[in-house]
């Protein structure tokens, strides 16, 4: 299996960055619509998932849902599930 370029595949996924951190520090809530991991963390996770041939995924604490959506687009997990307490409402 050829390795995929996850940095390129994730280029359109908004991740935690300096602007999101600044907003969080000012408002005390991560309410920007983005994955709450930085791009390097998400890229490393994707590389590990592919290397280990992970076929299913559970995310506990999905707040915006951006990370689980990005991962599902890339890997088509069966099954894929996510849950959150709903504090972001």
PDB file of N, CA and C in Angstrom:
ATOM      1  N   UNK A   1       0.854  -1.184   0.000  1.00  0.00           N
ATOM      2  CA  UNK A   1       0.000   0.000   0.000  1.00  0.00           C
ATOM      3  C   UNK A   1       0.898   1.246   0.000  1.00  0.00           C
ATOM      4  N   UNK A   2       0.681   2.122  -0.947  1.00  0.00           N
ATOM      5  CA  UNK A   2       1.446   3.370  -1.008  1.00  0.00           C
ATOM      6  C   UNK A   2       0.990   4.313   0.099  1.00  0.00           C
ATOM      7  N   UNK A   3       1.962   4.961   0.725  1.00  0.00           N
ATOM      8  CA  UNK A   3       1.617   5.910   1.782  1.00  0.00           C
ATOM      9  C   UNK A   3       0.990   7.160   1.177  1.00  0.00           C
ATOM     10  N   UNK A   4      -0.048   7.639   1.831  1.00  0.00           N
ATOM     11  CA  UNK A   4      -0.715   8.854   1.364  1.00  0.00           C
ATOM     12  C   UNK A   4      -0.081  10.075   2.021  1.00  0.00           C
ATOM     13  N   UNK A   5      -0.158  11.205   1.343  1.00  0.00           N
ATOM     14  CA  UNK A   5       0.376  12.471   1.860  1.00  0.00           C
ATOM     15  C   UNK A   5      -0.721  13.147   2.679  1.00  0.00           C
ATOM     16  N   UNK A   6      -0.742  12.865   3.979  1.00  0.00           N
ATOM     17  CA  UNK A   6      -1.821  13.375   4.818  1.00  0.00           C
ATOM     18  C   UNK A   6      -1.749  14.886   5.014  1.00  0.00           C
ATOM     19  N   UNK A   7      -0.558  15.458   4.983  1.00  0.00           N
ATOM     20  CA  UNK A   7      -0.475  16.928   5.079  1.00  0.00           C
ATOM     21  C   UNK A   7      -1.256  17.554   3.932  1.00  0.00           C
ATOM     22  N   UNK A   8      -1.110  16.985   2.751  1.00  0.00           N
ATOM     23  CA  UNK A   8      -1.842  17.498   1.600  1.00  0.00           C
ATOM     24  C   UNK A   8      -3.330  17.170   1.700  1.00  0.00           C
ATOM     25  N   UNK A   9      -3.657  15.953   2.084  1.00  0.00           N
ATOM     26  CA  UNK A   9      -5.059  15.544   2.180  1.00  0.00           C
ATOM     27  C   UNK A   9      -5.827  16.319   3.247  1.00  0.00           C
ATOM     28  N   UNK A  10      -5.128  16.808   4.266  1.00  0.00           N
ATOM     29  CA  UNK A  10      -5.773  17.549   5.358  1.00  0.00           C
ATOM     30  C   UNK A  10      -5.675  19.063   5.184  1.00  0.00           C
ATOM     31  N   UNK A  11      -5.177  19.533   4.051  1.00  0.00           N
ATOM     32  CA  UNK A  11      -4.941  20.977   3.879  1.00  0.00           C
ATOM     33  C   UNK A  11      -6.200  21.821   4.061  1.00  0.00           C
ATOM     34  N   UNK A  12      -7.365  21.294   3.755  1.00  0.00           N
ATOM     35  CA  UNK A  12      -8.599  22.085   3.877  1.00  0.00           C
ATOM     36  C   UNK A  12      -9.264  21.951   5.249  1.00  0.00           C
ATOM     37  N   UNK A  13      -8.705  21.121   6.136  1.00  0.00           N
ATOM     38  CA  UNK A  13      -9.287  20.923   7.467  1.00  0.00           C
ATOM     39  C   UNK A  13      -8.732  21.982   8.413  1.00  0.00           C
ATOM     40  N   UNK A  14      -9.615  22.813   8.936  1.00  0.00           N
ATOM     41  CA  UNK A  14      -9.177  23.830   9.899  1.00  0.00           C
ATOM     42  C   UNK A  14      -8.848  23.149  11.216  1.00  0.00           C
ATOM     43  N   UNK A  15      -7.666  23.422  11.730  1.00  0.00           N
ATOM     44  CA  UNK A  15      -7.211  22.825  12.984  1.00  0.00           C
ATOM     45  C   UNK A  15      -6.867  23.921  13.987  1.00  0.00           C
ATOM     46  N   UNK A  16      -6.639  23.487  15.217  1.00  0.00           N
ATOM     47  CA  UNK A  16      -6.228  24.397  16.288  1.00  0.00           C
ATOM     48  C   UNK A  16      -4.928  25.071  15.867  1.00  0.00           C
ATOM     49  N   UNK A  17      -4.900  26.387  15.947  1.00  0.00           N
ATOM     50  CA  UNK A  17      -3.702  27.141  15.586  1.00  0.00           C
ATOM     51  C   UNK A  17      -3.586  28.356  16.493  1.00  0.00           C
ATOM     52  N   UNK A  18      -2.663  29.247  16.212  1.00  0.00           N
ATOM     53  CA  UNK A  18      -2.435  30.418  17.070  1.00  0.00           C
ATOM     54  C   UNK A  18      -3.672  31.304  17.153  1.00  0.00           C
ATOM     55  N   UNK A  19      -4.402  31.469  16.060  1.00  0.00           N
ATOM     56  CA  UNK A  19      -5.616  32.302  16.079  1.00  0.00           C
ATOM     57  C   UNK A  19      -6.699  31.686  16.961  1.00  0.00           C
ATOM     58  N   UNK A  20      -6.873  30.377  16.860  1.00  0.00           N
ATOM     59  CA  UNK A  20      -7.867  29.689  17.690  1.00  0.00           C
ATOM     60  C   UNK A  20      -7.452  29.765  19.157  1.00  0.00           C
ATOM     61  N   UNK A  21      -6.177  29.579  19.436  1.00  0.00           N
ATOM     62  CA  UNK A  21      -5.671  29.666  20.807  1.00  0.00           C
ATOM     63  C   UNK A  21      -5.924  31.053  21.395  1.00  0.00           C
ATOM     64  N   UNK A  22      -5.666  32.087  20.610  1.00  0.00           N
ATOM     65  CA  UNK A  22      -5.896  33.466  21.051  1.00  0.00           C
ATOM     66  C   UNK A  22      -7.381  33.679  21.367  1.00  0.00           C
ATOM     67  N   UNK A  23      -8.243  33.212  20.486  1.00  0.00           N
ATOM     68  CA  UNK A  23      -9.679  33.338  20.712  1.00  0.00           C
ATOM     69  C   UNK A  23     -10.084  32.593  21.978  1.00  0.00           C
ATOM     70  N   UNK A  24      -9.519  31.395  22.165  1.00  0.00           N
ATOM     71  CA  UNK A  24      -9.814  30.603  23.358  1.00  0.00           C
ATOM     72  C   UNK A  24      -9.377  31.342  24.622  1.00  0.00           C
ATOM     73  N   UNK A  25      -8.196  31.918  24.608  1.00  0.00           N
ATOM     74  CA  UNK A  25      -7.698  32.637  25.783  1.00  0.00           C
ATOM     75  C   UNK A  25      -8.574  33.847  26.109  1.00  0.00           C
ATOM     76  N   UNK A  26      -9.099  34.503  25.089  1.00  0.00           N
ATOM     77  CA  UNK A  26      -9.951  35.678  25.301  1.00  0.00           C
ATOM     78  C   UNK A  26     -11.352  35.299  25.761  1.00  0.00           C
ATOM     79  N   UNK A  27     -11.884  34.180  25.283  1.00  0.00           N
ATOM     80  CA  UNK A  27     -13.280  33.813  25.538  1.00  0.00           C
ATOM     81  C   UNK A  27     -13.460  32.603  26.447  1.00  0.00           C
ATOM     82  N   UNK A  28     -12.386  31.909  26.746  1.00  0.00           N
ATOM     83  CA  UNK A  28     -12.401  30.731  27.629  1.00  0.00           C
ATOM     84  C   UNK A  28     -13.254  29.583  27.103  1.00  0.00           C
ATOM     85  N   UNK A  29     -13.509  29.583  25.805  1.00  0.00           N
ATOM     86  CA  UNK A  29     -14.236  28.485  25.172  1.00  0.00           C
ATOM     87  C   UNK A  29     -13.662  28.260  23.777  1.00  0.00           C
ATOM     88  N   UNK A  30     -13.450  27.017  23.386  1.00  0.00           N
ATOM     89  CA  UNK A  30     -12.963  26.736  22.036  1.00  0.00           C
ATOM     90  C   UNK A  30     -14.131  26.674  21.053  1.00  0.00           C
ATOM     91  N   UNK A  31     -14.762  27.819  20.799  1.00  0.00           N
ATOM     92  CA  UNK A  31     -15.978  27.805  19.977  1.00  0.00           C
ATOM     93  C   UNK A  31     -15.724  28.068  18.495  1.00  0.00           C
ATOM     94  N   UNK A  32     -14.468  28.145  18.087  1.00  0.00           N
ATOM     95  CA  UNK A  32     -14.160  28.253  16.666  1.00  0.00           C
ATOM     96  C   UNK A  32     -14.435  26.892  16.032  1.00  0.00           C
ATOM     97  N   UNK A  33     -15.065  26.882  14.867  1.00  0.00           N
ATOM     98  CA  UNK A  33     -15.443  25.637  14.197  1.00  0.00           C
ATOM     99  C   UNK A  33     -14.217  25.002  13.538  1.00  0.00           C
ATOM    100  N   UNK A  34     -13.503  24.199  14.315  1.00  0.00           N
ATOM    101  CA  UNK A  34     -12.295  23.554  13.804  1.00  0.00           C
ATOM    102  C   UNK A  34     -12.036  22.276  14.589  1.00  0.00           C
ATOM    103  N   UNK A  35     -11.116  21.468  14.073  1.00  0.00           N
ATOM    104  CA  UNK A  35     -10.645  20.312  14.841  1.00  0.00           C
ATOM    105  C   UNK A  35      -9.826  20.854  16.004  1.00  0.00           C
ATOM    106  N   UNK A  36     -10.007  20.296  17.172  1.00  0.00           N
ATOM    107  CA  UNK A  36      -9.336  20.829  18.356  1.00  0.00           C
ATOM    108  C   UNK A  36      -7.946  20.228  18.560  1.00  0.00           C
ATOM    109  N   UNK A  37      -7.358  19.704  17.504  1.00  0.00           N
ATOM    110  CA  UNK A  37      -5.979  19.252  17.497  1.00  0.00           C
ATOM    111  C   UNK A  37      -5.226  20.114  16.493  1.00  0.00           C
ATOM    112  N   UNK A  38      -3.921  20.253  16.690  1.00  0.00           N
ATOM    113  CA  UNK A  38      -3.177  21.000  15.676  1.00  0.00           C
ATOM    114  C   UNK A  38      -2.915  20.098  14.467  1.00  0.00           C
ATOM    115  N   UNK A  39      -2.525  20.702  13.367  1.00  0.00           N
ATOM    116  CA  UNK A  39      -2.365  19.963  12.101  1.00  0.00           C
ATOM    117  C   UNK A  39      -1.325  18.844  12.217  1.00  0.00           C
ATOM    118  N   UNK A  40      -0.240  19.083  12.948  1.00  0.00           N
ATOM    119  CA  UNK A  40       0.783  18.041  13.099  1.00  0.00           C
ATOM    120  C   UNK A  40       0.247  16.837  13.860  1.00  0.00           C
ATOM    121  N   UNK A  41      -0.537  17.084  14.911  1.00  0.00           N
ATOM    122  CA  UNK A  41      -1.135  15.982  15.676  1.00  0.00           C
ATOM    123  C   UNK A  41      -2.088  15.171  14.809  1.00  0.00           C
ATOM    124  N   UNK A  42      -2.920  15.863  14.046  1.00  0.00           N
ATOM    125  CA  UNK A  42      -3.890  15.175  13.195  1.00  0.00           C
ATOM    126  C   UNK A  42      -3.186  14.384  12.091  1.00  0.00           C
ATOM    127  N   UNK A  43      -2.154  14.969  11.520  1.00  0.00           N
ATOM    128  CA  UNK A  43      -1.378  14.270  10.492  1.00  0.00           C
ATOM    129  C   UNK A  43      -0.734  13.009  11.057  1.00  0.00           C
ATOM    130  N   UNK A  44      -0.129  13.123  12.236  1.00  0.00           N
ATOM    131  CA  UNK A  44       0.508  11.961  12.875  1.00  0.00           C
ATOM    132  C   UNK A  44      -0.518  10.873  13.185  1.00  0.00           C
ATOM    133  N   UNK A  45      -1.700  11.264  13.641  1.00  0.00           N
ATOM    134  CA  UNK A  45      -2.753  10.288  13.910  1.00  0.00           C
ATOM    135  C   UNK A  45      -3.141   9.558  12.625  1.00  0.00           C
ATOM    136  N   UNK A  46      -3.304  10.292  11.539  1.00  0.00           N
ATOM    137  CA  UNK A  46      -3.657   9.669  10.257  1.00  0.00           C
ATOM    138  C   UNK A  46      -2.581   8.687   9.800  1.00  0.00           C
ATOM    139  N   UNK A  47      -1.334   9.076   9.943  1.00  0.00           N
ATOM    140  CA  UNK A  47      -0.243   8.184   9.551  1.00  0.00           C
ATOM    141  C   UNK A  47      -0.264   6.904  10.384  1.00  0.00           C
ATOM    142  N   UNK A  48      -0.535   7.031  11.681  1.00  0.00           N
ATOM    143  CA  UNK A  48      -0.596   5.861  12.565  1.00  0.00           C
ATOM    144  C   UNK A  48      -1.789   4.972  12.199  1.00  0.00           C
ATOM    145  N   UNK A  49      -2.942   5.582  11.962  1.00  0.00           N
ATOM    146  CA  UNK A  49      -4.138   4.814  11.584  1.00  0.00           C
ATOM    147  C   UNK A  49      -3.872   4.004  10.319  1.00  0.00           C
ATOM    148  N   UNK A  50      -3.235   4.640   9.338  1.00  0.00           N
ATOM    149  CA  UNK A  50      -2.942   3.927   8.097  1.00  0.00           C
ATOM    150  C   UNK A  50      -1.897   2.825   8.323  1.00  0.00           C
ATOM    151  N   UNK A  51      -0.853   3.127   9.069  1.00  0.00           N
ATOM    152  CA  UNK A  51       0.204   2.146   9.340  1.00  0.00           C
ATOM    153  C   UNK A  51      -0.346   0.920  10.062  1.00  0.00           C
ATOM    154  N   UNK A  52      -1.223   1.148  11.017  1.00  0.00           N
ATOM    155  CA  UNK A  52      -1.780   0.051  11.818  1.00  0.00           C
ATOM    156  C   UNK A  52      -3.033  -0.574  11.198  1.00  0.00           C
ATOM    157  N   UNK A  53      -3.468  -0.030  10.071  1.00  0.00           N
ATOM    158  CA  UNK A  53      -4.644  -0.519   9.345  1.00  0.00           C
ATOM    159  C   UNK A  53      -5.885  -0.563  10.238  1.00  0.00           C
ATOM    160  N   UNK A  54      -6.103   0.520  10.954  1.00  0.00           N
ATOM    161  CA  UNK A  54      -7.259   0.644  11.840  1.00  0.00           C
ATOM    162  C   UNK A  54      -8.525   0.690  10.983  1.00  0.00           C
ATOM    163  N   UNK A  55      -9.530  -0.084  11.350  1.00  0.00           N
ATOM    164  CA  UNK A  55     -10.759  -0.185  10.549  1.00  0.00           C
ATOM    165  C   UNK A  55     -11.989   0.409  11.221  1.00  0.00           C
ATOM    166  N   UNK A  56     -11.915   0.652  12.532  1.00  0.00           N
ATOM    167  CA  UNK A  56     -13.057   1.236  13.243  1.00  0.00           C
ATOM    168  C   UNK A  56     -12.553   2.393  14.101  1.00  0.00           C
ATOM    169  N   UNK A  57     -13.480   3.287  14.488  1.00  0.00           N
ATOM    170  CA  UNK A  57     -13.062   4.481  15.219  1.00  0.00           C
ATOM    171  C   UNK A  57     -14.155   4.914  16.188  1.00  0.00           C
ATOM    172  N   UNK A  58     -13.742   5.251  17.404  1.00  0.00           N
ATOM    173  CA  UNK A  58     -14.629   5.825  18.410  1.00  0.00           C
ATOM    174  C   UNK A  58     -13.968   7.081  18.934  1.00  0.00           C
ATOM    175  N   UNK A  59     -14.684   8.188  18.897  1.00  0.00           N
ATOM    176  CA  UNK A  59     -14.179   9.440  19.459  1.00  0.00           C
ATOM    177  C   UNK A  59     -15.083   9.847  20.617  1.00  0.00           C
ATOM    178  N   UNK A  60     -14.499   9.991  21.778  1.00  0.00           N
ATOM    179  CA  UNK A  60     -15.227  10.442  22.963  1.00  0.00           C
ATOM    180  C   UNK A  60     -14.809  11.881  23.214  1.00  0.00           C
ATOM    181  N   UNK A  61     -15.770  12.787  23.159  1.00  0.00           N
ATOM    182  CA  UNK A  61     -15.479  14.210  23.290  1.00  0.00           C
ATOM    183  C   UNK A  61     -15.192  14.805  21.927  1.00  0.00           C
ATOM    184  N   UNK A  62     -16.214  14.990  21.125  1.00  0.00           N
ATOM    185  CA  UNK A  62     -16.012  15.407  19.732  1.00  0.00           C
ATOM    186  C   UNK A  62     -16.325  16.878  19.480  1.00  0.00           C
ATOM    187  N   UNK A  63     -16.746  17.614  20.468  1.00  0.00           N
ATOM    188  CA  UNK A  63     -17.099  19.038  20.442  1.00  0.00           C
ATOM    189  C   UNK A  63     -17.611  19.515  19.088  1.00  0.00           C
ATOM    190  N   UNK A  64     -16.723  19.857  18.146  1.00  0.00           N
ATOM    191  CA  UNK A  64     -17.176  20.370  16.850  1.00  0.00           C
ATOM    192  C   UNK A  64     -17.457  19.257  15.843  1.00  0.00           C
ATOM    193  N   UNK A  65     -16.883  18.087  16.067  1.00  0.00           N
ATOM    194  CA  UNK A  65     -17.038  16.987  15.120  1.00  0.00           C
ATOM    195  C   UNK A  65     -16.124  17.069  13.912  1.00  0.00           C
ATOM    196  N   UNK A  66     -15.302  18.106  13.840  1.00  0.00           N
ATOM    197  CA  UNK A  66     -14.447  18.293  12.661  1.00  0.00           C
ATOM    198  C   UNK A  66     -13.407  17.188  12.497  1.00  0.00           C
ATOM    199  N   UNK A  67     -12.837  16.721  13.610  1.00  0.00           N
ATOM    200  CA  UNK A  67     -11.813  15.690  13.483  1.00  0.00           C
ATOM    201  C   UNK A  67     -12.420  14.371  13.033  1.00  0.00           C
ATOM    202  N   UNK A  68     -13.500  13.950  13.656  1.00  0.00           N
ATOM    203  CA  UNK A  68     -14.108  12.672  13.277  1.00  0.00           C
ATOM    204  C   UNK A  68     -14.613  12.733  11.833  1.00  0.00           C
ATOM    205  N   UNK A  69     -15.118  13.869  11.392  1.00  0.00           N
ATOM    206  CA  UNK A  69     -15.552  14.003   9.997  1.00  0.00           C
ATOM    207  C   UNK A  69     -14.370  13.869   9.039  1.00  0.00           C
ATOM    208  N   UNK A  70     -13.268  14.532   9.361  1.00  0.00           N
ATOM    209  CA  UNK A  70     -12.081  14.453   8.504  1.00  0.00           C
ATOM    210  C   UNK A  70     -11.550  13.022   8.442  1.00  0.00           C
ATOM    211  N   UNK A  71     -11.485  12.372   9.601  1.00  0.00           N
ATOM    212  CA  UNK A  71     -10.985  10.995   9.629  1.00  0.00           C
ATOM    213  C   UNK A  71     -11.897  10.046   8.860  1.00  0.00           C
ATOM    214  N   UNK A  72     -13.199  10.227   8.998  1.00  0.00           N
ATOM    215  CA  UNK A  72     -14.138   9.351   8.291  1.00  0.00           C
ATOM    216  C   UNK A  72     -14.021   9.537   6.780  1.00  0.00           C
ATOM    217  N   UNK A  73     -13.812  10.762   6.330  1.00  0.00           N
ATOM    218  CA  UNK A  73     -13.628  10.993   4.893  1.00  0.00           C
ATOM    219  C   UNK A  73     -12.394  10.268   4.366  1.00  0.00           C
ATOM    220  N   UNK A  74     -11.336  10.258   5.158  1.00  0.00           N
ATOM    221  CA  UNK A  74     -10.085   9.642   4.719  1.00  0.00           C
ATOM    222  C   UNK A  74     -10.078   8.122   4.825  1.00  0.00           C
ATOM    223  N   UNK A  75     -10.732   7.578   5.853  1.00  0.00           N
ATOM    224  CA  UNK A  75     -10.578   6.157   6.148  1.00  0.00           C
ATOM    225  C   UNK A  75     -11.844   5.317   5.997  1.00  0.00           C
ATOM    226  N   UNK A  76     -13.008   5.905   5.959  1.00  0.00           N
ATOM    227  CA  UNK A  76     -14.264   5.158   5.825  1.00  0.00           C
ATOM    228  C   UNK A  76     -14.344   4.013   6.839  1.00  0.00           C
ATOM    229  N   UNK A  77     -14.221   4.374   8.123  1.00  0.00           N
ATOM    230  CA  UNK A  77     -14.273   3.385   9.195  1.00  0.00           C
ATOM    231  C   UNK A  77     -15.616   2.657   9.216  1.00  0.00           C
ATOM    232  N   UNK A  78     -15.568   1.381   9.611  1.00  0.00           N
ATOM    233  CA  UNK A  78     -16.776   0.595   9.814  1.00  0.00           C
ATOM    234  C   UNK A  78     -16.601  -0.213  11.081  1.00  0.00           C
ATOM    235  N   UNK A  79     -17.194   0.158  12.174  1.00  0.00           N
ATOM    236  CA  UNK A  79     -18.043   1.335  12.381  1.00  0.00           C
ATOM    237  C   UNK A  79     -17.229   2.579  12.751  1.00  0.00           C
ATOM    238  N   UNK A  80     -17.942   3.692  12.753  1.00  0.00           N
ATOM    239  CA  UNK A  80     -17.392   4.967  13.204  1.00  0.00           C
ATOM    240  C   UNK A  80     -18.430   5.575  14.139  1.00  0.00           C
ATOM    241  N   UNK A  81     -17.998   5.967  15.340  1.00  0.00           N
ATOM    242  CA  UNK A  81     -18.937   6.529  16.315  1.00  0.00           C
ATOM    243  C   UNK A  81     -18.273   7.669  17.068  1.00  0.00           C
ATOM    244  N   UNK A  82     -19.089   8.621  17.513  1.00  0.00           N
ATOM    245  CA  UNK A  82     -18.589   9.748  18.301  1.00  0.00           C
ATOM    246  C   UNK A  82     -19.654  10.137  19.310  1.00  0.00           C
ATOM    247  N   UNK A  83     -19.210  10.613  20.461  1.00  0.00           N
ATOM    248  CA  UNK A  83     -20.156  11.080  21.472  1.00  0.00           C
ATOM    249  C   UNK A  83     -19.563  12.277  22.201  1.00  0.00           C
ATOM    250  N   UNK A  84     -20.443  13.098  22.743  1.00  0.00           N
ATOM    251  CA  UNK A  84     -20.026  14.292  23.465  1.00  0.00           C
ATOM    252  C   UNK A  84     -21.106  14.620  24.487  1.00  0.00           C
ATOM    253  N   UNK A  85     -20.731  15.320  25.531  1.00  0.00           N
ATOM    254  CA  UNK A  85     -21.706  15.714  26.551  1.00  0.00           C
ATOM    255  C   UNK A  85     -22.647  16.810  26.071  1.00  0.00           C
ATOM    256  N   UNK A  86     -22.312  17.491  24.996  1.00  0.00           N
ATOM    257  CA  UNK A  86     -23.171  18.538  24.466  1.00  0.00           C
ATOM    258  C   UNK A  86     -22.995  19.882  25.136  1.00  0.00           C
ATOM    259  N   UNK A  87     -21.882  20.099  25.798  1.00  0.00           N
ATOM    260  CA  UNK A  87     -21.638  21.367  26.485  1.00  0.00           C
ATOM    261  C   UNK A  87     -21.557  22.528  25.499  1.00  0.00           C
ATOM    262  N   UNK A  88     -21.193  22.249  24.257  1.00  0.00           N
ATOM    263  CA  UNK A  88     -21.019  23.308  23.262  1.00  0.00           C
ATOM    264  C   UNK A  88     -22.329  23.949  22.827  1.00  0.00           C
ATOM    265  N   UNK A  89     -23.457  23.406  23.216  1.00  0.00           N
ATOM    266  CA  UNK A  89     -24.746  23.945  22.771  1.00  0.00           C
ATOM    267  C   UNK A  89     -24.947  25.346  23.214  1.00  0.00           C
TER     268      UNK A  89
END
